Amino acid sequence: MKFSVTDEVLDLGVKVVIVIIKDMKNIQENKEFSSYKNSIIDDMKKHLTQESIEDNKILKGFWKLHENIGKTSKKDISSPENLLNMIITNGTVPSINLIVDIYNLTSIQTNMALGAHDLNNITGNVTLRLTDGSENFLPIGYSKPKPVSRGEYAYIDDANDILCRMEVRQVEKTKVTTETTSCMYIVQGNENTTEKDVEVAANMLIELTTKYCGGIAEIIYK
């Protein structure tokens, strides 16, 4: 699988690293990792407030990205901000499965937008580009496709299927389950992050994932 980004998206300030990890073993829960995750979240709760989220420079960068493409809806919240809001509201981040829990933890620690897509369900290559409205989009949790607006940035495979809409919503097609053994990971920043920031998050993801899930990792785009 090859990955590419159009100049139109790069000009918006998007910074992205793509990681492939193969031959992993995913399970519902790992008690050692869960204990580690809970300790990180408990420490974060000591200083995390709604004001600190609103003042966060990196999270503001995602709002700026959305404004640059004409998206100002409060529904379009970046994934790291959404996760941090969950901690304030619920005291934790829901556990999905080990692979997902690992990238979610990396996201809240770095404020980067992370996502994983089952590599075996991706059709051909993936391009991060602006949508033209013809794309197929079936978000996670939905049974019917949703319409796609023109001019949004999205990760799209060769079947014209959206894998991730902005850094807001992933899809049923490539969602990670306990049967997943290989993933394409997205690690995304914005104009308020450096390329180094994104690479640090990618390396943190690789370290945690290979520690708890095994696998062979490769950065294919940065």
N, C-alpha and C. Protein backbone atom coordinates (compact mmCIF):
# COMPACT_ATOMS: atom_id res chain seq x y z
N MET A 1 0.83 -1.19 0.00
CA MET A 1 0.00 0.00 0.00
C MET A 1 0.87 1.24 0.00
N LYS A 2 0.52 2.21 -0.87
CA LYS A 2 1.22 3.49 -0.90
C LYS A 2 0.30 4.58 -0.35
N PHE A 3 0.92 5.62 0.18
CA PHE A 3 0.17 6.74 0.76
C PHE A 3 0.68 8.04 0.16
N SER A 4 -0.24 8.96 -0.14
CA SER A 4 0.15 10.25 -0.68
C SER A 4 -0.77 11.34 -0.14
N VAL A 5 -0.29 12.57 -0.18
CA VAL A 5 -1.05 13.74 0.27
C VAL A 5 -1.01 14.78 -0.84
N THR A 6 -2.14 15.37 -1.15
CA THR A 6 -2.17 16.40 -2.19
C THR A 6 -1.64 17.72 -1.63
N ASP A 7 -1.14 18.57 -2.52
CA ASP A 7 -0.62 19.87 -2.12
C ASP A 7 -1.70 20.73 -1.48
N GLU A 8 -2.94 20.58 -1.94
CA GLU A 8 -4.05 21.36 -1.37
C GLU A 8 -4.20 21.11 0.12
N VAL A 9 -4.02 19.86 0.53
CA VAL A 9 -4.15 19.52 1.95
C VAL A 9 -2.92 19.98 2.72
N LEU A 10 -1.75 19.79 2.15
CA LEU A 10 -0.53 20.25 2.82
C LEU A 10 -0.57 21.75 3.05
N ASP A 11 -1.14 22.48 2.10
CA ASP A 11 -1.23 23.93 2.22
C ASP A 11 -2.14 24.37 3.37
N LEU A 12 -3.02 23.48 3.81
CA LEU A 12 -3.89 23.78 4.95
C LEU A 12 -3.13 23.73 6.28
N GLY A 13 -1.94 23.15 6.24
CA GLY A 13 -1.14 23.02 7.45
C GLY A 13 -1.15 21.63 8.06
N VAL A 14 -1.78 20.68 7.38
CA VAL A 14 -1.82 19.31 7.89
C VAL A 14 -0.42 18.71 7.87
N LYS A 15 -0.05 18.09 8.98
CA LYS A 15 1.20 17.34 9.06
C LYS A 15 0.83 15.91 9.44
N VAL A 16 1.39 14.94 8.75
CA VAL A 16 0.94 13.57 8.98
C VAL A 16 2.10 12.58 8.86
N VAL A 17 2.07 11.58 9.70
CA VAL A 17 2.95 10.42 9.62
C VAL A 17 2.06 9.20 9.49
N ILE A 18 2.42 8.30 8.58
CA ILE A 18 1.67 7.06 8.39
C ILE A 18 2.55 5.89 8.81
N VAL A 19 2.01 5.07 9.69
CA VAL A 19 2.72 3.91 10.21
C VAL A 19 1.97 2.64 9.82
N ILE A 20 2.72 1.64 9.39
CA ILE A 20 2.16 0.31 9.17
C ILE A 20 2.73 -0.63 10.23
N ILE A 21 1.85 -1.34 10.92
CA ILE A 21 2.30 -2.39 11.85
C ILE A 21 1.60 -3.68 11.48
N LYS A 22 2.40 -4.71 11.22
CA LYS A 22 1.86 -6.01 10.80
C LYS A 22 2.15 -7.08 11.85
N ASP A 23 1.41 -8.17 11.73
CA ASP A 23 1.61 -9.35 12.57
C ASP A 23 1.42 -9.06 14.05
N MET A 24 0.40 -8.26 14.36
CA MET A 24 0.06 -7.99 15.75
C MET A 24 -0.94 -9.03 16.28
N LYS A 25 -1.05 -9.06 17.58
CA LYS A 25 -2.10 -9.85 18.22
C LYS A 25 -2.96 -8.88 19.02
N ASN A 26 -4.20 -8.70 18.60
CA ASN A 26 -5.10 -7.82 19.31
C ASN A 26 -6.01 -8.62 20.22
N ILE A 27 -6.22 -8.12 21.42
CA ILE A 27 -7.13 -8.76 22.37
C ILE A 27 -8.04 -7.68 22.95
N GLN A 28 -9.04 -8.10 23.69
CA GLN A 28 -9.98 -7.13 24.25
C GLN A 28 -9.31 -6.24 25.29
N GLU A 29 -8.52 -6.86 26.16
CA GLU A 29 -7.91 -6.08 27.24
C GLU A 29 -6.62 -6.74 27.71
N ASN A 30 -5.65 -5.90 28.05
CA ASN A 30 -4.41 -6.35 28.67
C ASN A 30 -4.33 -5.65 30.03
N LYS A 31 -4.33 -6.41 31.11
CA LYS A 31 -4.41 -5.81 32.44
C LYS A 31 -3.22 -4.91 32.74
N GLU A 32 -2.05 -5.29 32.28
CA GLU A 32 -0.87 -4.46 32.53
C GLU A 32 -1.01 -3.11 31.82
N PHE A 33 -1.46 -3.14 30.56
CA PHE A 33 -1.65 -1.88 29.84
C PHE A 33 -2.77 -1.07 30.47
N SER A 34 -3.86 -1.71 30.86
CA SER A 34 -4.98 -1.00 31.45
C SER A 34 -4.55 -0.27 32.72
N SER A 35 -3.70 -0.91 33.52
CA SER A 35 -3.20 -0.27 34.73
C SER A 35 -2.34 0.94 34.37
N TYR A 36 -1.51 0.77 33.34
CA TYR A 36 -0.67 1.89 32.89
C TYR A 36 -1.52 3.03 32.37
N LYS A 37 -2.52 2.72 31.55
CA LYS A 37 -3.42 3.73 31.00
C LYS A 37 -4.13 4.49 32.11
N ASN A 38 -4.65 3.75 33.09
CA ASN A 38 -5.39 4.39 34.18
C ASN A 38 -4.50 5.32 35.00
N SER A 39 -3.24 4.94 35.17
CA SER A 39 -2.33 5.80 35.93
C SER A 39 -2.05 7.10 35.18
N ILE A 40 -1.92 7.01 33.86
CA ILE A 40 -1.71 8.21 33.04
C ILE A 40 -2.93 9.12 33.12
N ILE A 41 -4.11 8.55 32.97
CA ILE A 41 -5.34 9.35 33.00
C ILE A 41 -5.55 9.96 34.38
N ASP A 42 -5.29 9.20 35.44
CA ASP A 42 -5.46 9.75 36.79
C ASP A 42 -4.53 10.94 37.01
N ASP A 43 -3.32 10.87 36.46
CA ASP A 43 -2.39 11.99 36.59
C ASP A 43 -2.87 13.19 35.78
N MET A 44 -3.41 12.94 34.59
CA MET A 44 -3.91 14.02 33.75
C MET A 44 -5.07 14.75 34.40
N LYS A 45 -5.92 14.01 35.11
CA LYS A 45 -7.11 14.61 35.72
C LYS A 45 -6.77 15.65 36.78
N LYS A 46 -5.53 15.63 37.28
CA LYS A 46 -5.13 16.58 38.31
C LYS A 46 -5.06 18.01 37.76
N HIS A 47 -4.84 18.13 36.45
CA HIS A 47 -4.68 19.47 35.88
C HIS A 47 -5.57 19.72 34.66
N LEU A 48 -6.32 18.71 34.24
CA LEU A 48 -7.14 18.86 33.04
C LEU A 48 -8.45 19.57 33.38
N THR A 49 -8.73 20.67 32.69
CA THR A 49 -9.98 21.41 32.87
C THR A 49 -10.52 21.80 31.50
N GLN A 50 -11.76 22.24 31.48
CA GLN A 50 -12.32 22.72 30.23
C GLN A 50 -11.54 23.91 29.71
N GLU A 51 -11.06 24.74 30.62
CA GLU A 51 -10.28 25.91 30.22
C GLU A 51 -8.94 25.49 29.60
N SER A 52 -8.33 24.47 30.17
CA SER A 52 -7.03 24.03 29.63
C SER A 52 -7.21 23.43 28.24
N ILE A 53 -8.35 22.79 27.99
CA ILE A 53 -8.64 22.27 26.65
C ILE A 53 -8.84 23.42 25.68
N GLU A 54 -9.61 24.42 26.09
CA GLU A 54 -9.89 25.55 25.20
C GLU A 54 -8.63 26.36 24.90
N ASP A 55 -7.68 26.36 25.83
CA ASP A 55 -6.45 27.14 25.65
C ASP A 55 -5.33 26.34 24.98
N ASN A 56 -5.57 25.04 24.72
CA ASN A 56 -4.53 24.17 24.18
C ASN A 56 -4.19 24.57 22.74
N LYS A 57 -2.93 24.91 22.52
CA LYS A 57 -2.50 25.42 21.21
C LYS A 57 -2.70 24.40 20.10
N ILE A 58 -2.39 23.14 20.38
CA ILE A 58 -2.52 22.11 19.35
C ILE A 58 -4.00 21.89 19.00
N LEU A 59 -4.85 21.83 20.01
CA LEU A 59 -6.28 21.63 19.75
C LEU A 59 -6.86 22.82 18.99
N LYS A 60 -6.38 24.01 19.30
CA LYS A 60 -6.80 25.19 18.54
C LYS A 60 -6.41 25.06 17.07
N GLY A 61 -5.28 24.39 16.82
CA GLY A 61 -4.84 24.18 15.44
C GLY A 61 -5.81 23.34 14.63
N PHE A 62 -6.47 22.38 15.29
CA PHE A 62 -7.47 21.59 14.57
C PHE A 62 -8.71 22.41 14.25
N TRP A 63 -9.12 23.27 15.19
CA TRP A 63 -10.24 24.16 14.89
C TRP A 63 -9.91 25.07 13.71
N LYS A 64 -8.64 25.56 13.68
CA LYS A 64 -8.22 26.42 12.57
C LYS A 64 -8.27 25.65 11.25
N LEU A 65 -7.85 24.39 11.27
CA LEU A 65 -7.94 23.54 10.08
C LEU A 65 -9.37 23.47 9.58
N HIS A 66 -10.29 23.27 10.48
CA HIS A 66 -11.70 23.16 10.11
C HIS A 66 -12.21 24.48 9.54
N GLU A 67 -11.82 25.58 10.17
CA GLU A 67 -12.23 26.89 9.66
C GLU A 67 -11.69 27.13 8.25
N ASN A 68 -10.51 26.65 7.98
CA ASN A 68 -9.89 26.85 6.67
C ASN A 68 -10.66 26.17 5.54
N ILE A 69 -11.47 25.16 5.89
CA ILE A 69 -12.28 24.49 4.86
C ILE A 69 -13.77 24.79 5.06
N GLY A 70 -14.04 25.82 5.87
CA GLY A 70 -15.42 26.27 6.04
C GLY A 70 -16.25 25.44 6.99
N LYS A 71 -15.59 24.69 7.89
CA LYS A 71 -16.30 23.85 8.85
C LYS A 71 -16.20 24.47 10.23
N THR A 72 -17.29 25.01 10.72
CA THR A 72 -17.30 25.64 12.03
C THR A 72 -18.27 24.98 13.00
N SER A 73 -18.87 23.88 12.59
CA SER A 73 -19.85 23.20 13.43
C SER A 73 -19.19 22.63 14.68
N LYS A 74 -19.87 22.77 15.82
CA LYS A 74 -19.38 22.19 17.06
C LYS A 74 -19.43 20.66 17.04
N LYS A 75 -20.09 20.11 16.01
CA LYS A 75 -20.13 18.65 15.87
C LYS A 75 -18.81 18.10 15.39
N ASP A 76 -18.04 18.93 14.68
CA ASP A 76 -16.78 18.48 14.09
C ASP A 76 -15.62 18.73 15.05
N ILE A 77 -15.57 17.93 16.11
CA ILE A 77 -14.53 18.06 17.12
C ILE A 77 -13.41 17.07 16.82
N SER A 78 -12.18 17.53 16.85
CA SER A 78 -11.05 16.64 16.57
C SER A 78 -11.02 15.51 17.59
N SER A 79 -10.50 14.37 17.17
CA SER A 79 -10.50 13.20 18.05
C SER A 79 -9.76 13.41 19.36
N PRO A 80 -8.59 14.09 19.39
CA PRO A 80 -7.94 14.27 20.70
C PRO A 80 -8.76 15.14 21.65
N GLU A 81 -9.40 16.18 21.13
CA GLU A 81 -10.25 17.02 21.99
C GLU A 81 -11.45 16.23 22.49
N ASN A 82 -12.02 15.41 21.64
CA ASN A 82 -13.15 14.59 22.05
C ASN A 82 -12.76 13.64 23.18
N LEU A 83 -11.58 13.04 23.08
CA LEU A 83 -11.11 12.13 24.12
C LEU A 83 -10.88 12.85 25.44
N LEU A 84 -10.29 14.05 25.37
CA LEU A 84 -10.05 14.81 26.59
C LEU A 84 -11.36 15.24 27.23
N ASN A 85 -12.35 15.58 26.42
CA ASN A 85 -13.67 15.91 26.97
C ASN A 85 -14.30 14.71 27.68
N MET A 86 -14.04 13.51 27.15
CA MET A 86 -14.55 12.30 27.80
C MET A 86 -13.96 12.15 29.20
N ILE A 87 -12.69 12.48 29.33
CA ILE A 87 -12.05 12.36 30.65
C ILE A 87 -12.70 13.32 31.64
N ILE A 88 -12.97 14.54 31.20
CA ILE A 88 -13.62 15.51 32.09
C ILE A 88 -15.03 15.05 32.45
N THR A 89 -15.75 14.55 31.46
CA THR A 89 -17.15 14.16 31.68
C THR A 89 -17.29 12.85 32.44
N ASN A 90 -16.50 11.85 32.05
CA ASN A 90 -16.67 10.49 32.56
C ASN A 90 -15.54 10.01 33.46
N GLY A 91 -14.46 10.76 33.52
CA GLY A 91 -13.33 10.38 34.35
C GLY A 91 -12.37 9.42 33.69
N THR A 92 -12.70 9.00 32.46
CA THR A 92 -11.83 8.06 31.75
C THR A 92 -12.18 8.06 30.28
N VAL A 93 -11.44 7.25 29.52
CA VAL A 93 -11.73 7.03 28.10
C VAL A 93 -12.23 5.60 27.97
N PRO A 94 -13.37 5.37 27.31
CA PRO A 94 -13.90 4.01 27.20
C PRO A 94 -12.89 3.05 26.56
N SER A 95 -12.86 1.83 27.06
CA SER A 95 -12.00 0.80 26.49
C SER A 95 -12.72 0.13 25.32
N ILE A 96 -12.04 0.03 24.17
CA ILE A 96 -12.61 -0.59 22.97
C ILE A 96 -11.96 -1.95 22.74
N ASN A 97 -10.70 -1.95 22.46
CA ASN A 97 -9.86 -3.14 22.42
C ASN A 97 -8.42 -2.65 22.53
N LEU A 98 -7.48 -3.56 22.64
CA LEU A 98 -6.12 -3.16 23.00
C LEU A 98 -5.49 -2.21 21.98
N ILE A 99 -5.60 -2.51 20.69
CA ILE A 99 -5.01 -1.64 19.67
C ILE A 99 -5.61 -0.24 19.75
N VAL A 100 -6.92 -0.16 19.84
CA VAL A 100 -7.58 1.15 19.90
C VAL A 100 -7.22 1.87 21.19
N ASP A 101 -7.21 1.17 22.30
CA ASP A 101 -6.89 1.80 23.58
C ASP A 101 -5.48 2.38 23.57
N ILE A 102 -4.56 1.70 22.91
CA ILE A 102 -3.17 2.19 22.84
C ILE A 102 -3.09 3.48 22.04
N TYR A 103 -3.74 3.52 20.87
CA TYR A 103 -3.60 4.77 20.10
C TYR A 103 -4.40 5.90 20.73
N ASN A 104 -5.50 5.59 21.43
CA ASN A 104 -6.22 6.64 22.14
C ASN A 104 -5.38 7.24 23.26
N LEU A 105 -4.66 6.39 23.99
CA LEU A 105 -3.79 6.90 25.05
C LEU A 105 -2.69 7.77 24.47
N THR A 106 -2.11 7.34 23.35
CA THR A 106 -1.07 8.14 22.71
C THR A 106 -1.63 9.49 22.28
N SER A 107 -2.87 9.50 21.83
CA SER A 107 -3.50 10.74 21.39
C SER A 107 -3.67 11.71 22.55
N ILE A 108 -4.18 11.24 23.69
CA ILE A 108 -4.41 12.18 24.79
C ILE A 108 -3.10 12.65 25.42
N GLN A 109 -2.04 11.84 25.28
CA GLN A 109 -0.76 12.26 25.82
C GLN A 109 -0.06 13.29 24.94
N THR A 110 -0.30 13.23 23.64
CA THR A 110 0.42 14.09 22.70
C THR A 110 -0.45 15.17 22.07
N ASN A 111 -1.78 15.03 22.19
CA ASN A 111 -2.76 15.90 21.54
C ASN A 111 -2.77 15.77 20.02
N MET A 112 -2.09 14.77 19.48
CA MET A 112 -2.16 14.49 18.05
C MET A 112 -3.42 13.68 17.77
N ALA A 113 -3.89 13.75 16.54
CA ALA A 113 -5.04 12.95 16.13
C ALA A 113 -4.54 11.61 15.60
N LEU A 114 -4.95 10.53 16.23
CA LEU A 114 -4.51 9.20 15.82
C LEU A 114 -5.70 8.34 15.44
N GLY A 115 -5.46 7.43 14.52
CA GLY A 115 -6.48 6.45 14.14
C GLY A 115 -5.80 5.23 13.56
N ALA A 116 -6.49 4.10 13.62
CA ALA A 116 -5.97 2.86 13.06
C ALA A 116 -7.01 2.26 12.13
N HIS A 117 -6.52 1.67 11.03
CA HIS A 117 -7.40 1.09 10.02
C HIS A 117 -6.88 -0.29 9.66
N ASP A 118 -7.79 -1.27 9.70
CA ASP A 118 -7.42 -2.64 9.39
C ASP A 118 -6.87 -2.71 7.98
N LEU A 119 -5.60 -3.04 7.87
CA LEU A 119 -4.91 -3.01 6.59
C LEU A 119 -5.53 -3.96 5.57
N ASN A 120 -6.06 -5.07 6.04
CA ASN A 120 -6.63 -6.07 5.13
C ASN A 120 -7.94 -5.60 4.49
N ASN A 121 -8.53 -4.54 5.02
CA ASN A 121 -9.80 -4.04 4.47
C ASN A 121 -9.64 -2.75 3.68
N ILE A 122 -8.41 -2.29 3.51
CA ILE A 122 -8.14 -1.12 2.68
C ILE A 122 -8.01 -1.57 1.24
N THR A 123 -8.65 -0.85 0.33
CA THR A 123 -8.59 -1.18 -1.10
C THR A 123 -7.51 -0.36 -1.78
N GLY A 124 -6.44 -1.01 -2.20
CA GLY A 124 -5.39 -0.32 -2.94
C GLY A 124 -4.61 0.66 -2.09
N ASN A 125 -4.38 1.85 -2.66
CA ASN A 125 -3.59 2.88 -2.00
C ASN A 125 -4.50 3.89 -1.31
N VAL A 126 -3.90 4.74 -0.51
CA VAL A 126 -4.66 5.75 0.25
C VAL A 126 -4.11 7.13 -0.07
N THR A 127 -5.03 8.06 -0.30
CA THR A 127 -4.67 9.45 -0.56
C THR A 127 -5.38 10.36 0.43
N LEU A 128 -4.65 11.29 1.00
CA LEU A 128 -5.25 12.34 1.81
C LEU A 128 -5.49 13.53 0.88
N ARG A 129 -6.76 13.79 0.60
CA ARG A 129 -7.10 14.82 -0.38
C ARG A 129 -8.40 15.50 0.01
N LEU A 130 -8.76 16.53 -0.75
CA LEU A 130 -10.04 17.19 -0.55
C LEU A 130 -11.13 16.38 -1.25
N THR A 131 -12.27 16.28 -0.62
CA THR A 131 -13.39 15.52 -1.19
C THR A 131 -14.05 16.29 -2.32
N ASP A 132 -14.67 15.53 -3.25
CA ASP A 132 -15.46 16.18 -4.31
C ASP A 132 -16.95 15.88 -4.17
N GLY A 133 -17.32 15.12 -3.14
CA GLY A 133 -18.72 14.81 -2.88
C GLY A 133 -19.18 13.47 -3.42
N SER A 134 -18.31 12.81 -4.21
CA SER A 134 -18.69 11.52 -4.79
C SER A 134 -18.28 10.34 -3.91
N GLU A 135 -17.54 10.59 -2.85
CA GLU A 135 -16.95 9.53 -2.04
C GLU A 135 -17.99 8.75 -1.24
N ASN A 136 -17.66 7.52 -0.93
CA ASN A 136 -18.49 6.66 -0.09
C ASN A 136 -18.06 6.85 1.37
N PHE A 137 -19.05 7.03 2.26
CA PHE A 137 -18.72 7.31 3.65
C PHE A 137 -19.73 6.62 4.56
N LEU A 138 -19.25 5.56 5.24
CA LEU A 138 -20.08 4.83 6.19
C LEU A 138 -19.38 4.89 7.55
N PRO A 139 -19.74 5.87 8.37
CA PRO A 139 -19.06 6.04 9.66
C PRO A 139 -19.26 4.86 10.59
N ILE A 140 -18.35 4.67 11.51
CA ILE A 140 -18.50 3.65 12.54
C ILE A 140 -19.81 3.87 13.28
N GLY A 141 -20.55 2.80 13.45
CA GLY A 141 -21.80 2.86 14.18
C GLY A 141 -23.02 3.10 13.32
N TYR A 142 -22.80 3.32 12.00
CA TYR A 142 -23.93 3.58 11.09
C TYR A 142 -24.17 2.37 10.19
N SER A 143 -25.41 2.18 9.78
CA SER A 143 -25.75 1.09 8.87
C SER A 143 -25.97 1.57 7.44
N LYS A 144 -26.11 2.90 7.28
CA LYS A 144 -26.31 3.46 5.95
C LYS A 144 -25.28 4.56 5.71
N PRO A 145 -24.83 4.71 4.46
CA PRO A 145 -23.84 5.75 4.14
C PRO A 145 -24.37 7.15 4.45
N LYS A 146 -23.45 8.04 4.75
CA LYS A 146 -23.78 9.44 4.99
C LYS A 146 -23.26 10.28 3.82
N PRO A 147 -23.96 11.37 3.49
CA PRO A 147 -23.49 12.22 2.39
C PRO A 147 -22.18 12.91 2.74
N VAL A 148 -21.42 13.22 1.71
CA VAL A 148 -20.11 13.85 1.88
C VAL A 148 -20.12 15.22 1.24
N SER A 149 -19.67 16.22 1.96
CA SER A 149 -19.57 17.57 1.41
C SER A 149 -18.32 17.72 0.55
N ARG A 150 -18.36 18.63 -0.38
CA ARG A 150 -17.16 18.96 -1.15
C ARG A 150 -16.21 19.77 -0.28
N GLY A 151 -14.91 19.57 -0.52
CA GLY A 151 -13.91 20.43 0.08
C GLY A 151 -13.44 20.06 1.46
N GLU A 152 -13.85 18.89 1.98
CA GLU A 152 -13.31 18.41 3.24
C GLU A 152 -12.03 17.62 2.98
N TYR A 153 -11.10 17.61 3.93
CA TYR A 153 -9.94 16.74 3.76
C TYR A 153 -10.28 15.37 4.37
N ALA A 154 -9.90 14.33 3.64
CA ALA A 154 -10.23 12.98 4.08
C ALA A 154 -9.20 11.99 3.54
N TYR A 155 -9.07 10.88 4.25
CA TYR A 155 -8.20 9.78 3.84
C TYR A 155 -9.06 8.81 3.03
N ILE A 156 -8.71 8.60 1.76
CA ILE A 156 -9.58 7.90 0.83
C ILE A 156 -8.79 6.81 0.10
N ASP A 157 -9.37 5.60 0.01
CA ASP A 157 -8.65 4.53 -0.68
C ASP A 157 -9.06 4.46 -2.15
N ASP A 158 -8.52 3.48 -2.87
CA ASP A 158 -8.73 3.39 -4.31
C ASP A 158 -10.15 2.98 -4.70
N ALA A 159 -10.96 2.56 -3.73
CA ALA A 159 -12.37 2.28 -4.00
C ALA A 159 -13.24 3.52 -3.81
N ASN A 160 -12.59 4.66 -3.60
CA ASN A 160 -13.28 5.93 -3.33
C ASN A 160 -14.03 5.89 -2.00
N ASP A 161 -13.55 5.04 -1.10
CA ASP A 161 -14.14 4.93 0.23
C ASP A 161 -13.35 5.80 1.21
N ILE A 162 -14.04 6.64 1.93
CA ILE A 162 -13.40 7.42 2.99
C ILE A 162 -13.06 6.49 4.14
N LEU A 163 -11.81 6.58 4.60
CA LEU A 163 -11.38 5.82 5.77
C LEU A 163 -11.44 6.67 7.03
N CYS A 164 -11.19 7.96 6.86
CA CYS A 164 -11.29 8.88 7.98
C CYS A 164 -11.66 10.27 7.44
N ARG A 165 -12.74 10.82 7.96
CA ARG A 165 -13.18 12.16 7.58
C ARG A 165 -12.53 13.17 8.50
N MET A 166 -11.68 14.03 7.92
CA MET A 166 -10.85 14.94 8.70
C MET A 166 -10.16 14.11 9.79
N GLU A 167 -10.11 14.62 11.03
CA GLU A 167 -9.62 13.79 12.14
C GLU A 167 -10.77 13.62 13.14
N VAL A 168 -11.97 13.45 12.54
CA VAL A 168 -13.20 13.46 13.33
C VAL A 168 -13.87 12.09 13.37
N ARG A 169 -13.95 11.40 12.23
CA ARG A 169 -14.77 10.18 12.19
C ARG A 169 -14.13 9.11 11.32
N GLN A 170 -13.97 7.89 11.89
CA GLN A 170 -13.50 6.74 11.14
C GLN A 170 -14.71 5.94 10.64
N VAL A 171 -14.44 4.81 9.98
CA VAL A 171 -15.52 4.13 9.26
C VAL A 171 -15.61 2.64 9.59
N GLU A 172 -16.77 2.09 9.24
CA GLU A 172 -17.02 0.67 9.47
C GLU A 172 -16.06 -0.21 8.67
N LYS A 173 -15.77 0.19 7.44
CA LYS A 173 -14.98 -0.65 6.53
C LYS A 173 -13.66 -1.10 7.13
N THR A 174 -12.97 -0.20 7.81
CA THR A 174 -11.62 -0.52 8.27
C THR A 174 -11.50 -0.47 9.79
N LYS A 175 -12.62 -0.54 10.50
CA LYS A 175 -12.53 -0.46 11.96
C LYS A 175 -11.74 -1.65 12.52
N VAL A 176 -11.08 -1.40 13.62
CA VAL A 176 -10.21 -2.40 14.25
C VAL A 176 -11.03 -3.27 15.19
N THR A 177 -10.88 -4.57 15.04
CA THR A 177 -11.53 -5.54 15.91
C THR A 177 -10.47 -6.46 16.51
N THR A 178 -10.91 -7.39 17.34
CA THR A 178 -9.96 -8.34 17.93
C THR A 178 -9.41 -9.31 16.89
N GLU A 179 -9.99 -9.31 15.69
CA GLU A 179 -9.48 -10.15 14.60
C GLU A 179 -8.39 -9.43 13.80
N THR A 180 -8.20 -8.15 14.03
CA THR A 180 -7.23 -7.36 13.28
C THR A 180 -5.81 -7.76 13.63
N THR A 181 -4.99 -7.95 12.59
CA THR A 181 -3.58 -8.30 12.81
C THR A 181 -2.61 -7.29 12.21
N SER A 182 -3.09 -6.46 11.29
CA SER A 182 -2.23 -5.47 10.64
C SER A 182 -3.01 -4.17 10.47
N CYS A 183 -2.33 -3.05 10.74
CA CYS A 183 -3.01 -1.75 10.68
C CYS A 183 -2.20 -0.71 9.93
N MET A 184 -2.93 0.20 9.30
CA MET A 184 -2.38 1.47 8.88
C MET A 184 -2.78 2.49 9.93
N TYR A 185 -1.80 3.15 10.53
CA TYR A 185 -2.06 4.16 11.55
C TYR A 185 -1.85 5.55 10.97
N ILE A 186 -2.77 6.45 11.28
CA ILE A 186 -2.65 7.86 10.96
C ILE A 186 -2.23 8.60 12.22
N VAL A 187 -1.17 9.40 12.12
CA VAL A 187 -0.75 10.29 13.21
C VAL A 187 -0.72 11.69 12.60
N GLN A 188 -1.65 12.55 13.02
CA GLN A 188 -1.83 13.83 12.34
C GLN A 188 -1.73 15.02 13.29
N GLY A 189 -1.04 16.05 12.79
CA GLY A 189 -0.97 17.31 13.50
C GLY A 189 -1.54 18.42 12.64
N ASN A 190 -1.13 19.65 12.92
CA ASN A 190 -1.65 20.81 12.21
C ASN A 190 -0.60 21.91 12.20
N GLU A 191 -0.99 23.11 11.82
CA GLU A 191 0.00 24.18 11.68
C GLU A 191 0.62 24.59 13.02
N ASN A 192 0.00 24.21 14.12
CA ASN A 192 0.54 24.52 15.45
C ASN A 192 1.41 23.41 16.00
N THR A 193 1.68 22.39 15.21
CA THR A 193 2.60 21.32 15.61
C THR A 193 3.78 21.32 14.65
N THR A 194 4.90 20.85 15.13
CA THR A 194 6.06 20.67 14.26
C THR A 194 6.05 19.26 13.68
N GLU A 195 6.83 19.06 12.64
CA GLU A 195 6.97 17.70 12.10
C GLU A 195 7.55 16.78 13.17
N LYS A 196 8.44 17.32 14.00
CA LYS A 196 9.04 16.52 15.07
C LYS A 196 7.98 16.08 16.07
N ASP A 197 7.02 16.96 16.39
CA ASP A 197 5.94 16.59 17.31
C ASP A 197 5.19 15.36 16.81
N VAL A 198 4.90 15.35 15.52
CA VAL A 198 4.14 14.24 14.95
C VAL A 198 4.97 12.96 14.95
N GLU A 199 6.25 13.09 14.65
CA GLU A 199 7.13 11.91 14.65
C GLU A 199 7.28 11.35 16.06
N VAL A 200 7.37 12.21 17.06
CA VAL A 200 7.46 11.74 18.45
C VAL A 200 6.23 10.93 18.82
N ALA A 201 5.05 11.42 18.44
CA ALA A 201 3.81 10.69 18.71
C ALA A 201 3.80 9.35 17.98
N ALA A 202 4.28 9.34 16.73
CA ALA A 202 4.33 8.09 15.96
C ALA A 202 5.25 7.07 16.63
N ASN A 203 6.39 7.54 17.11
CA ASN A 203 7.33 6.62 17.77
C ASN A 203 6.79 6.13 19.10
N MET A 204 6.05 6.98 19.81
CA MET A 204 5.41 6.55 21.06
C MET A 204 4.39 5.46 20.76
N LEU A 205 3.61 5.67 19.70
CA LEU A 205 2.62 4.67 19.28
C LEU A 205 3.29 3.34 18.95
N ILE A 206 4.36 3.39 18.18
CA ILE A 206 5.07 2.17 17.79
C ILE A 206 5.59 1.43 19.02
N GLU A 207 6.19 2.18 19.94
CA GLU A 207 6.77 1.56 21.13
C GLU A 207 5.70 0.86 21.96
N LEU A 208 4.59 1.54 22.22
CA LEU A 208 3.53 0.95 23.03
C LEU A 208 2.86 -0.23 22.34
N THR A 209 2.61 -0.07 21.04
CA THR A 209 1.89 -1.13 20.32
C THR A 209 2.72 -2.39 20.22
N THR A 210 3.98 -2.25 19.85
CA THR A 210 4.81 -3.45 19.71
C THR A 210 5.11 -4.09 21.07
N LYS A 211 5.10 -3.29 22.14
CA LYS A 211 5.30 -3.85 23.48
C LYS A 211 4.14 -4.74 23.89
N TYR A 212 2.91 -4.27 23.63
CA TYR A 212 1.75 -4.99 24.13
C TYR A 212 1.06 -5.88 23.09
N CYS A 213 1.26 -5.58 21.80
CA CYS A 213 0.60 -6.36 20.75
C CYS A 213 1.58 -7.10 19.85
N GLY A 214 2.89 -6.86 20.05
CA GLY A 214 3.87 -7.43 19.13
C GLY A 214 3.80 -6.73 17.79
N GLY A 215 4.32 -7.39 16.76
CA GLY A 215 4.22 -6.85 15.42
C GLY A 215 5.51 -6.21 14.92
N ILE A 216 5.50 -5.94 13.62
CA ILE A 216 6.64 -5.30 12.94
C ILE A 216 6.16 -3.97 12.40
N ALA A 217 6.86 -2.89 12.77
CA ALA A 217 6.41 -1.54 12.43
C ALA A 217 7.29 -0.91 11.36
N GLU A 218 6.65 -0.08 10.54
CA GLU A 218 7.37 0.66 9.52
C GLU A 218 6.66 2.00 9.29
N ILE A 219 7.43 3.08 9.30
CA ILE A 219 6.89 4.39 8.93
C ILE A 219 6.98 4.50 7.40
N ILE A 220 5.83 4.64 6.74
CA ILE A 220 5.85 4.67 5.27
C ILE A 220 5.68 6.08 4.70
N TYR A 221 5.34 7.04 5.59
CA TYR A 221 5.21 8.43 5.11
C TYR A 221 5.44 9.36 6.30
N LYS A 222 6.27 10.38 6.05
CA LYS A 222 6.44 11.43 7.05
C LYS A 222 6.95 12.68 6.36
